[in-house]
Amino acid sequence: MAKQHVSETPATQLLRAHRIAFTEHPYAYLEHGGAQHSAEVLGLDPFTVVKTLVMQDQDAKPLVVLMHGNRKVSTKNLARQIGAKSVEACAPEVANRHSGYLVGGTSPFGTRKRMPVYIEETVLALPWIAINGGRRGFLVGIDPQVCVQLLDARPVQCGLPL
């Protein structure tokens, strides 16, 4: 099978501009399939597929959470750790406006708005992660430390089993 190349996205442009090595992993997107679907299609462990979640605090200030594909966010634990009263997921249209990406294709790289980024601490212990590359059906493989270097991602402990 020929290697499929995906056209540039704001995320891949940012990674290239910073000379970050990454691999491209296109797959057949499934509406509401999420990280579990992409992991299955690509033959990856869902623990290494990291989802990008656009959330907001009690004042509707947006933030990004990077979480393992087979975990969910404890919004209560997250709020406590970041000093917020509460945290909740943004409505899809609001998330799209903040990030500049369609939900299902949200990358933490190259977002329209600069938002604080929080990363589940155990993601940083992995040697490699697959994370959205800025388009539905497209993941990029990178070293998770890139999230700290480029996004100033702060580690948190808020993951719960699905």
N, C-alpha and C. Protein backbone atom coordinates (compact mmCIF):
# COMPACT_ATOMS: atom_id res chain seq x y z
N MET A 1 0.84 -1.18 0.00
CA MET A 1 0.00 0.00 0.00
C MET A 1 0.89 1.24 0.00
N ALA A 2 0.57 2.21 -0.85
CA ALA A 2 1.36 3.43 -0.94
C ALA A 2 1.17 4.28 0.31
N LYS A 3 2.23 4.93 0.72
CA LYS A 3 2.20 5.81 1.90
C LYS A 3 1.35 7.02 1.52
N GLN A 4 0.30 7.25 2.29
CA GLN A 4 -0.59 8.37 2.02
C GLN A 4 -0.07 9.61 2.73
N HIS A 5 0.06 10.71 1.99
CA HIS A 5 0.51 11.96 2.59
C HIS A 5 -0.71 12.85 2.79
N VAL A 6 -0.79 13.46 3.94
CA VAL A 6 -1.90 14.36 4.25
C VAL A 6 -1.39 15.78 4.07
N SER A 7 -2.25 16.65 3.48
CA SER A 7 -1.82 18.03 3.26
C SER A 7 -1.57 18.74 4.59
N GLU A 8 -0.83 19.83 4.50
CA GLU A 8 -0.46 20.59 5.69
C GLU A 8 -1.68 21.08 6.46
N THR A 9 -1.52 21.15 7.76
CA THR A 9 -2.52 21.75 8.65
C THR A 9 -1.77 22.77 9.50
N PRO A 10 -2.47 23.64 10.22
CA PRO A 10 -1.76 24.55 11.12
C PRO A 10 -0.86 23.78 12.11
N ALA A 11 -1.31 22.59 12.52
CA ALA A 11 -0.53 21.78 13.46
C ALA A 11 0.78 21.30 12.83
N THR A 12 0.70 20.74 11.62
CA THR A 12 1.94 20.23 10.99
C THR A 12 2.85 21.39 10.60
N GLN A 13 2.27 22.52 10.23
CA GLN A 13 3.10 23.70 9.92
C GLN A 13 3.90 24.13 11.15
N LEU A 14 3.24 24.15 12.31
CA LEU A 14 3.92 24.54 13.55
C LEU A 14 5.02 23.54 13.89
N LEU A 15 4.72 22.25 13.79
CA LEU A 15 5.72 21.22 14.10
C LEU A 15 6.93 21.35 13.16
N ARG A 16 6.67 21.53 11.86
CA ARG A 16 7.79 21.69 10.90
C ARG A 16 8.60 22.96 11.18
N ALA A 17 7.90 24.06 11.50
CA ALA A 17 8.57 25.33 11.78
C ALA A 17 9.53 25.20 12.96
N HIS A 18 9.20 24.32 13.91
CA HIS A 18 10.05 24.11 15.09
C HIS A 18 10.98 22.91 14.93
N ARG A 19 11.02 22.38 13.69
CA ARG A 19 11.87 21.23 13.36
C ARG A 19 11.62 20.03 14.28
N ILE A 20 10.35 19.78 14.55
CA ILE A 20 9.94 18.65 15.38
C ILE A 20 9.73 17.44 14.46
N ALA A 21 10.37 16.33 14.79
CA ALA A 21 10.19 15.10 14.01
C ALA A 21 8.83 14.50 14.37
N PHE A 22 8.07 14.12 13.33
CA PHE A 22 6.78 13.47 13.56
C PHE A 22 6.49 12.52 12.42
N THR A 23 5.64 11.55 12.70
CA THR A 23 5.19 10.62 11.67
C THR A 23 3.71 10.89 11.41
N GLU A 24 3.26 10.61 10.18
CA GLU A 24 1.88 10.85 9.80
C GLU A 24 1.11 9.54 9.81
N HIS A 25 -0.10 9.57 10.39
CA HIS A 25 -0.93 8.37 10.51
C HIS A 25 -2.37 8.67 10.10
N PRO A 26 -2.64 8.71 8.77
CA PRO A 26 -4.02 8.91 8.33
C PRO A 26 -4.84 7.64 8.54
N TYR A 27 -6.13 7.80 8.77
CA TYR A 27 -7.02 6.64 8.95
C TYR A 27 -8.43 7.06 8.53
N ALA A 28 -9.30 6.08 8.35
CA ALA A 28 -10.69 6.34 7.98
C ALA A 28 -11.43 6.86 9.21
N TYR A 29 -11.80 8.13 9.17
CA TYR A 29 -12.48 8.78 10.29
C TYR A 29 -13.88 8.22 10.46
N LEU A 30 -14.29 8.04 11.70
CA LEU A 30 -15.64 7.60 12.02
C LEU A 30 -16.24 8.60 12.99
N GLU A 31 -17.37 9.20 12.61
CA GLU A 31 -18.06 10.17 13.47
C GLU A 31 -18.32 9.53 14.84
N HIS A 32 -17.91 10.18 15.90
CA HIS A 32 -18.04 9.72 17.29
C HIS A 32 -17.22 8.46 17.59
N GLY A 33 -16.25 8.13 16.72
CA GLY A 33 -15.41 6.96 16.94
C GLY A 33 -14.35 7.22 18.00
N GLY A 34 -13.88 8.45 18.03
CA GLY A 34 -12.90 8.88 19.03
C GLY A 34 -11.57 8.16 18.96
N ALA A 35 -10.81 8.31 20.03
CA ALA A 35 -9.46 7.76 20.12
C ALA A 35 -9.46 6.24 20.07
N GLN A 36 -10.51 5.63 20.63
CA GLN A 36 -10.59 4.16 20.63
C GLN A 36 -10.63 3.65 19.18
N HIS A 37 -11.44 4.31 18.33
CA HIS A 37 -11.56 3.90 16.94
C HIS A 37 -10.23 4.09 16.20
N SER A 38 -9.62 5.26 16.34
CA SER A 38 -8.36 5.50 15.63
C SER A 38 -7.29 4.52 16.07
N ALA A 39 -7.23 4.21 17.37
CA ALA A 39 -6.26 3.25 17.88
C ALA A 39 -6.49 1.88 17.24
N GLU A 40 -7.74 1.46 17.19
CA GLU A 40 -8.08 0.16 16.63
C GLU A 40 -7.70 0.08 15.14
N VAL A 41 -8.09 1.09 14.37
CA VAL A 41 -7.82 1.12 12.93
C VAL A 41 -6.32 1.14 12.65
N LEU A 42 -5.57 1.89 13.46
CA LEU A 42 -4.12 2.02 13.23
C LEU A 42 -3.30 0.94 13.95
N GLY A 43 -3.97 0.08 14.71
CA GLY A 43 -3.26 -0.97 15.43
C GLY A 43 -2.41 -0.45 16.57
N LEU A 44 -2.90 0.60 17.24
CA LEU A 44 -2.16 1.22 18.34
C LEU A 44 -2.85 0.92 19.67
N ASP A 45 -2.08 0.99 20.74
CA ASP A 45 -2.63 0.88 22.09
C ASP A 45 -3.37 2.19 22.38
N PRO A 46 -4.66 2.14 22.77
CA PRO A 46 -5.39 3.38 23.04
C PRO A 46 -4.75 4.24 24.13
N PHE A 47 -3.93 3.63 24.98
CA PHE A 47 -3.22 4.39 26.02
C PHE A 47 -2.22 5.36 25.40
N THR A 48 -1.70 5.03 24.19
CA THR A 48 -0.70 5.88 23.52
C THR A 48 -1.34 6.89 22.57
N VAL A 49 -2.64 6.73 22.32
CA VAL A 49 -3.36 7.70 21.48
C VAL A 49 -3.91 8.76 22.42
N VAL A 50 -3.48 9.98 22.22
CA VAL A 50 -3.84 11.07 23.14
C VAL A 50 -4.89 11.97 22.50
N LYS A 51 -6.00 12.14 23.23
CA LYS A 51 -7.06 13.00 22.71
C LYS A 51 -6.88 14.42 23.21
N THR A 52 -7.29 15.37 22.38
CA THR A 52 -7.21 16.80 22.68
C THR A 52 -8.61 17.27 23.01
N LEU A 53 -8.83 17.67 24.26
CA LEU A 53 -10.15 18.07 24.72
C LEU A 53 -10.16 19.57 25.04
N VAL A 54 -11.08 20.29 24.41
CA VAL A 54 -11.23 21.72 24.71
C VAL A 54 -12.30 21.84 25.78
N MET A 55 -11.90 22.41 26.92
CA MET A 55 -12.80 22.55 28.06
C MET A 55 -12.83 24.01 28.48
N GLN A 56 -13.61 24.30 29.49
CA GLN A 56 -13.67 25.69 30.00
C GLN A 56 -13.87 25.67 31.50
N ASP A 57 -13.41 26.76 32.13
CA ASP A 57 -13.61 26.88 33.58
C ASP A 57 -14.93 27.59 33.86
N GLN A 58 -15.17 27.90 35.13
CA GLN A 58 -16.43 28.52 35.55
C GLN A 58 -16.65 29.89 34.91
N ASP A 59 -15.59 30.54 34.45
CA ASP A 59 -15.72 31.85 33.80
C ASP A 59 -15.76 31.73 32.28
N ALA A 60 -15.93 30.51 31.77
CA ALA A 60 -15.96 30.21 30.34
C ALA A 60 -14.61 30.50 29.66
N LYS A 61 -13.53 30.48 30.45
CA LYS A 61 -12.18 30.63 29.87
C LYS A 61 -11.75 29.26 29.36
N PRO A 62 -11.36 29.17 28.08
CA PRO A 62 -11.02 27.87 27.50
C PRO A 62 -9.66 27.34 27.97
N LEU A 63 -9.55 26.03 27.96
CA LEU A 63 -8.30 25.35 28.27
C LEU A 63 -8.29 24.03 27.51
N VAL A 64 -7.11 23.47 27.34
CA VAL A 64 -6.96 22.21 26.61
C VAL A 64 -6.46 21.15 27.58
N VAL A 65 -7.04 19.95 27.48
CA VAL A 65 -6.59 18.81 28.28
C VAL A 65 -6.17 17.71 27.31
N LEU A 66 -4.96 17.18 27.51
CA LEU A 66 -4.46 16.07 26.71
C LEU A 66 -4.56 14.81 27.57
N MET A 67 -5.36 13.84 27.10
CA MET A 67 -5.68 12.66 27.90
C MET A 67 -5.53 11.39 27.06
N HIS A 68 -5.14 10.30 27.73
CA HIS A 68 -5.05 9.00 27.08
C HIS A 68 -6.38 8.67 26.41
N GLY A 69 -6.30 7.97 25.29
CA GLY A 69 -7.51 7.61 24.55
C GLY A 69 -8.44 6.68 25.29
N ASN A 70 -7.93 5.94 26.26
CA ASN A 70 -8.78 5.01 27.01
C ASN A 70 -9.05 5.50 28.43
N ARG A 71 -8.99 6.81 28.62
CA ARG A 71 -9.29 7.41 29.92
C ARG A 71 -10.23 8.60 29.71
N LYS A 72 -10.90 8.99 30.78
CA LYS A 72 -11.72 10.21 30.74
C LYS A 72 -11.18 11.18 31.78
N VAL A 73 -11.59 12.41 31.69
CA VAL A 73 -11.12 13.46 32.60
C VAL A 73 -12.04 13.57 33.80
N SER A 74 -11.46 13.53 34.98
CA SER A 74 -12.21 13.86 36.19
C SER A 74 -12.18 15.38 36.28
N THR A 75 -13.28 16.02 35.90
CA THR A 75 -13.30 17.49 35.89
C THR A 75 -13.16 18.05 37.30
N LYS A 76 -13.63 17.30 38.28
CA LYS A 76 -13.51 17.72 39.68
C LYS A 76 -12.03 17.76 40.09
N ASN A 77 -11.29 16.68 39.78
CA ASN A 77 -9.86 16.64 40.10
C ASN A 77 -9.08 17.70 39.32
N LEU A 78 -9.43 17.86 38.05
CA LEU A 78 -8.75 18.85 37.22
C LEU A 78 -8.97 20.25 37.80
N ALA A 79 -10.20 20.60 38.10
CA ALA A 79 -10.51 21.94 38.64
C ALA A 79 -9.70 22.20 39.90
N ARG A 80 -9.67 21.21 40.79
CA ARG A 80 -8.93 21.38 42.04
C ARG A 80 -7.45 21.64 41.77
N GLN A 81 -6.87 20.90 40.82
CA GLN A 81 -5.43 21.03 40.55
C GLN A 81 -5.06 22.33 39.85
N ILE A 82 -5.98 22.89 39.09
CA ILE A 82 -5.64 24.13 38.37
C ILE A 82 -6.19 25.38 39.05
N GLY A 83 -6.81 25.18 40.22
CA GLY A 83 -7.30 26.33 40.98
C GLY A 83 -8.58 26.93 40.43
N ALA A 84 -9.40 26.09 39.77
CA ALA A 84 -10.68 26.57 39.24
C ALA A 84 -11.81 26.06 40.12
N LYS A 85 -12.95 26.76 40.10
CA LYS A 85 -14.12 26.29 40.85
C LYS A 85 -14.72 25.08 40.16
N SER A 86 -14.75 25.13 38.82
CA SER A 86 -15.30 24.01 38.06
C SER A 86 -14.70 24.01 36.65
N VAL A 87 -14.77 22.85 36.01
CA VAL A 87 -14.32 22.68 34.63
C VAL A 87 -15.34 21.80 33.94
N GLU A 88 -15.65 22.14 32.70
CA GLU A 88 -16.57 21.31 31.92
C GLU A 88 -16.13 21.34 30.46
N ALA A 89 -16.60 20.35 29.70
CA ALA A 89 -16.32 20.31 28.27
C ALA A 89 -17.04 21.46 27.59
N CYS A 90 -16.41 22.03 26.59
CA CYS A 90 -17.07 23.07 25.79
C CYS A 90 -18.06 22.41 24.83
N ALA A 91 -19.11 23.11 24.47
CA ALA A 91 -20.00 22.64 23.41
C ALA A 91 -19.15 22.56 22.13
N PRO A 92 -19.44 21.62 21.23
CA PRO A 92 -18.62 21.46 20.03
C PRO A 92 -18.40 22.75 19.24
N GLU A 93 -19.45 23.55 19.05
CA GLU A 93 -19.28 24.79 18.27
C GLU A 93 -18.38 25.79 18.99
N VAL A 94 -18.41 25.79 20.30
CA VAL A 94 -17.54 26.68 21.09
C VAL A 94 -16.10 26.18 21.01
N ALA A 95 -15.92 24.87 21.13
CA ALA A 95 -14.58 24.27 21.00
C ALA A 95 -13.99 24.58 19.62
N ASN A 96 -14.82 24.47 18.58
CA ASN A 96 -14.36 24.77 17.21
C ASN A 96 -13.90 26.22 17.11
N ARG A 97 -14.65 27.14 17.71
CA ARG A 97 -14.30 28.56 17.67
C ARG A 97 -12.97 28.83 18.38
N HIS A 98 -12.79 28.23 19.55
CA HIS A 98 -11.56 28.46 20.31
C HIS A 98 -10.34 27.88 19.60
N SER A 99 -10.48 26.65 19.09
CA SER A 99 -9.31 25.95 18.54
C SER A 99 -9.06 26.25 17.07
N GLY A 100 -10.12 26.56 16.32
CA GLY A 100 -9.96 26.72 14.88
C GLY A 100 -10.04 25.38 14.15
N TYR A 101 -10.26 24.31 14.89
CA TYR A 101 -10.38 22.97 14.31
C TYR A 101 -11.79 22.45 14.56
N LEU A 102 -12.21 21.48 13.72
CA LEU A 102 -13.48 20.80 13.95
C LEU A 102 -13.29 19.77 15.04
N VAL A 103 -14.27 19.62 15.93
CA VAL A 103 -14.21 18.57 16.94
C VAL A 103 -14.04 17.24 16.20
N GLY A 104 -13.13 16.42 16.70
CA GLY A 104 -12.78 15.17 16.02
C GLY A 104 -11.50 15.34 15.22
N GLY A 105 -11.11 16.59 15.03
CA GLY A 105 -9.87 16.90 14.31
C GLY A 105 -9.07 17.96 15.04
N THR A 106 -9.28 18.07 16.35
CA THR A 106 -8.63 19.12 17.15
C THR A 106 -7.22 18.70 17.55
N SER A 107 -6.27 19.52 17.17
CA SER A 107 -4.88 19.33 17.59
C SER A 107 -4.56 20.40 18.62
N PRO A 108 -3.67 20.09 19.57
CA PRO A 108 -3.27 21.13 20.50
C PRO A 108 -2.27 22.11 19.87
N PHE A 109 -1.74 21.72 18.71
CA PHE A 109 -0.74 22.54 18.01
C PHE A 109 -1.41 23.42 16.97
N GLY A 110 -1.03 24.69 16.92
CA GLY A 110 -1.56 25.58 15.89
C GLY A 110 -3.00 25.99 16.12
N THR A 111 -3.42 26.10 17.37
CA THR A 111 -4.80 26.52 17.66
C THR A 111 -4.98 28.00 17.34
N ARG A 112 -6.22 28.36 17.07
CA ARG A 112 -6.55 29.76 16.75
C ARG A 112 -6.25 30.65 17.94
N LYS A 113 -6.66 30.21 19.14
CA LYS A 113 -6.45 30.97 20.38
C LYS A 113 -5.37 30.27 21.20
N ARG A 114 -4.56 31.05 21.86
CA ARG A 114 -3.60 30.45 22.80
C ARG A 114 -4.36 30.13 24.08
N MET A 115 -4.31 28.88 24.49
CA MET A 115 -5.03 28.44 25.68
C MET A 115 -4.07 27.68 26.58
N PRO A 116 -4.29 27.70 27.90
CA PRO A 116 -3.46 26.87 28.77
C PRO A 116 -3.67 25.40 28.42
N VAL A 117 -2.59 24.62 28.46
CA VAL A 117 -2.66 23.20 28.12
C VAL A 117 -2.25 22.39 29.34
N TYR A 118 -3.07 21.39 29.66
CA TYR A 118 -2.80 20.47 30.77
C TYR A 118 -2.68 19.07 30.18
N ILE A 119 -1.69 18.33 30.63
CA ILE A 119 -1.44 16.99 30.09
C ILE A 119 -1.45 15.98 31.24
N GLU A 120 -2.16 14.88 31.04
CA GLU A 120 -2.17 13.83 32.05
C GLU A 120 -0.72 13.39 32.26
N GLU A 121 -0.28 13.42 33.51
CA GLU A 121 1.11 13.17 33.86
C GLU A 121 1.69 11.89 33.26
N THR A 122 0.90 10.82 33.23
CA THR A 122 1.40 9.54 32.73
C THR A 122 1.65 9.55 31.21
N VAL A 123 1.07 10.51 30.49
CA VAL A 123 1.35 10.64 29.06
C VAL A 123 2.83 10.97 28.86
N LEU A 124 3.36 11.81 29.75
CA LEU A 124 4.75 12.26 29.62
C LEU A 124 5.76 11.13 29.85
N ALA A 125 5.33 10.03 30.45
CA ALA A 125 6.23 8.89 30.69
C ALA A 125 6.34 7.98 29.47
N LEU A 126 5.46 8.18 28.49
CA LEU A 126 5.48 7.34 27.29
C LEU A 126 6.62 7.76 26.36
N PRO A 127 7.22 6.81 25.62
CA PRO A 127 8.29 7.17 24.69
C PRO A 127 7.76 7.83 23.42
N TRP A 128 6.47 7.60 23.11
CA TRP A 128 5.88 8.05 21.85
C TRP A 128 4.37 8.13 22.02
N ILE A 129 3.75 9.14 21.41
CA ILE A 129 2.29 9.23 21.42
C ILE A 129 1.79 9.54 20.02
N ALA A 130 0.53 9.19 19.78
CA ALA A 130 -0.18 9.59 18.55
C ALA A 130 -1.22 10.61 19.00
N ILE A 131 -1.19 11.78 18.35
CA ILE A 131 -2.08 12.87 18.74
C ILE A 131 -2.63 13.51 17.47
N ASN A 132 -3.78 14.14 17.56
CA ASN A 132 -4.40 14.68 16.35
C ASN A 132 -3.49 15.68 15.64
N GLY A 133 -3.45 15.54 14.34
CA GLY A 133 -2.61 16.40 13.51
C GLY A 133 -3.34 17.57 12.89
N GLY A 134 -4.58 17.83 13.34
CA GLY A 134 -5.29 19.02 12.85
C GLY A 134 -6.32 18.74 11.78
N ARG A 135 -6.70 17.48 11.65
CA ARG A 135 -7.73 17.11 10.67
C ARG A 135 -8.37 15.82 11.14
N ARG A 136 -9.66 15.67 10.89
CA ARG A 136 -10.32 14.40 11.20
C ARG A 136 -9.67 13.29 10.39
N GLY A 137 -9.38 12.18 11.07
CA GLY A 137 -8.77 11.04 10.39
C GLY A 137 -7.27 11.19 10.18
N PHE A 138 -6.61 11.97 11.04
CA PHE A 138 -5.16 12.20 10.87
C PHE A 138 -4.49 12.40 12.23
N LEU A 139 -3.64 11.45 12.59
CA LEU A 139 -2.84 11.57 13.81
C LEU A 139 -1.38 11.77 13.43
N VAL A 140 -0.62 12.41 14.32
CA VAL A 140 0.83 12.50 14.15
C VAL A 140 1.48 11.81 15.34
N GLY A 141 2.57 11.14 15.08
CA GLY A 141 3.32 10.48 16.13
C GLY A 141 4.48 11.36 16.55
N ILE A 142 4.56 11.65 17.85
CA ILE A 142 5.62 12.53 18.38
C ILE A 142 6.09 12.05 19.74
N ASP A 143 7.17 12.63 20.19
CA ASP A 143 7.64 12.45 21.56
C ASP A 143 6.72 13.32 22.43
N PRO A 144 6.16 12.79 23.51
CA PRO A 144 5.23 13.60 24.32
C PRO A 144 5.88 14.84 24.94
N GLN A 145 7.19 14.85 25.09
CA GLN A 145 7.87 16.03 25.65
C GLN A 145 7.68 17.26 24.77
N VAL A 146 7.36 17.05 23.49
CA VAL A 146 7.10 18.16 22.57
C VAL A 146 5.93 19.00 23.10
N CYS A 147 4.97 18.36 23.75
CA CYS A 147 3.81 19.09 24.31
C CYS A 147 4.25 20.07 25.38
N VAL A 148 5.26 19.71 26.14
CA VAL A 148 5.79 20.60 27.17
C VAL A 148 6.62 21.71 26.51
N GLN A 149 7.48 21.31 25.56
CA GLN A 149 8.37 22.27 24.89
C GLN A 149 7.60 23.33 24.10
N LEU A 150 6.64 22.91 23.28
CA LEU A 150 5.95 23.85 22.39
C LEU A 150 4.70 24.48 23.00
N LEU A 151 4.03 23.75 23.88
CA LEU A 151 2.74 24.21 24.40
C LEU A 151 2.80 24.64 25.85
N ASP A 152 3.95 24.43 26.48
CA ASP A 152 4.08 24.70 27.91
C ASP A 152 3.02 23.93 28.69
N ALA A 153 2.76 22.69 28.24
CA ALA A 153 1.75 21.85 28.88
C ALA A 153 2.16 21.54 30.31
N ARG A 154 1.21 21.67 31.22
CA ARG A 154 1.47 21.41 32.63
C ARG A 154 0.88 20.07 33.03
N PRO A 155 1.67 19.22 33.70
CA PRO A 155 1.16 17.91 34.10
C PRO A 155 0.09 17.99 35.18
N VAL A 156 -0.92 17.15 35.02
CA VAL A 156 -2.00 17.03 36.01
C VAL A 156 -2.30 15.54 36.19
N GLN A 157 -3.02 15.23 37.25
CA GLN A 157 -3.46 13.85 37.51
C GLN A 157 -4.98 13.88 37.61
N CYS A 158 -5.64 13.64 36.48
CA CYS A 158 -7.10 13.71 36.48
C CYS A 158 -7.73 12.63 35.61
N GLY A 159 -6.97 11.62 35.22
CA GLY A 159 -7.50 10.57 34.37
C GLY A 159 -8.25 9.50 35.15
N LEU A 160 -9.37 9.07 34.57
CA LEU A 160 -10.17 7.99 35.14
C LEU A 160 -10.42 6.95 34.05
N PRO A 161 -10.57 5.67 34.43
CA PRO A 161 -10.90 4.66 33.41
C PRO A 161 -12.23 5.00 32.73
N LEU A 162 -12.34 4.67 31.47
CA LEU A 162 -13.60 4.92 30.73
C LEU A 162 -14.71 4.07 31.29
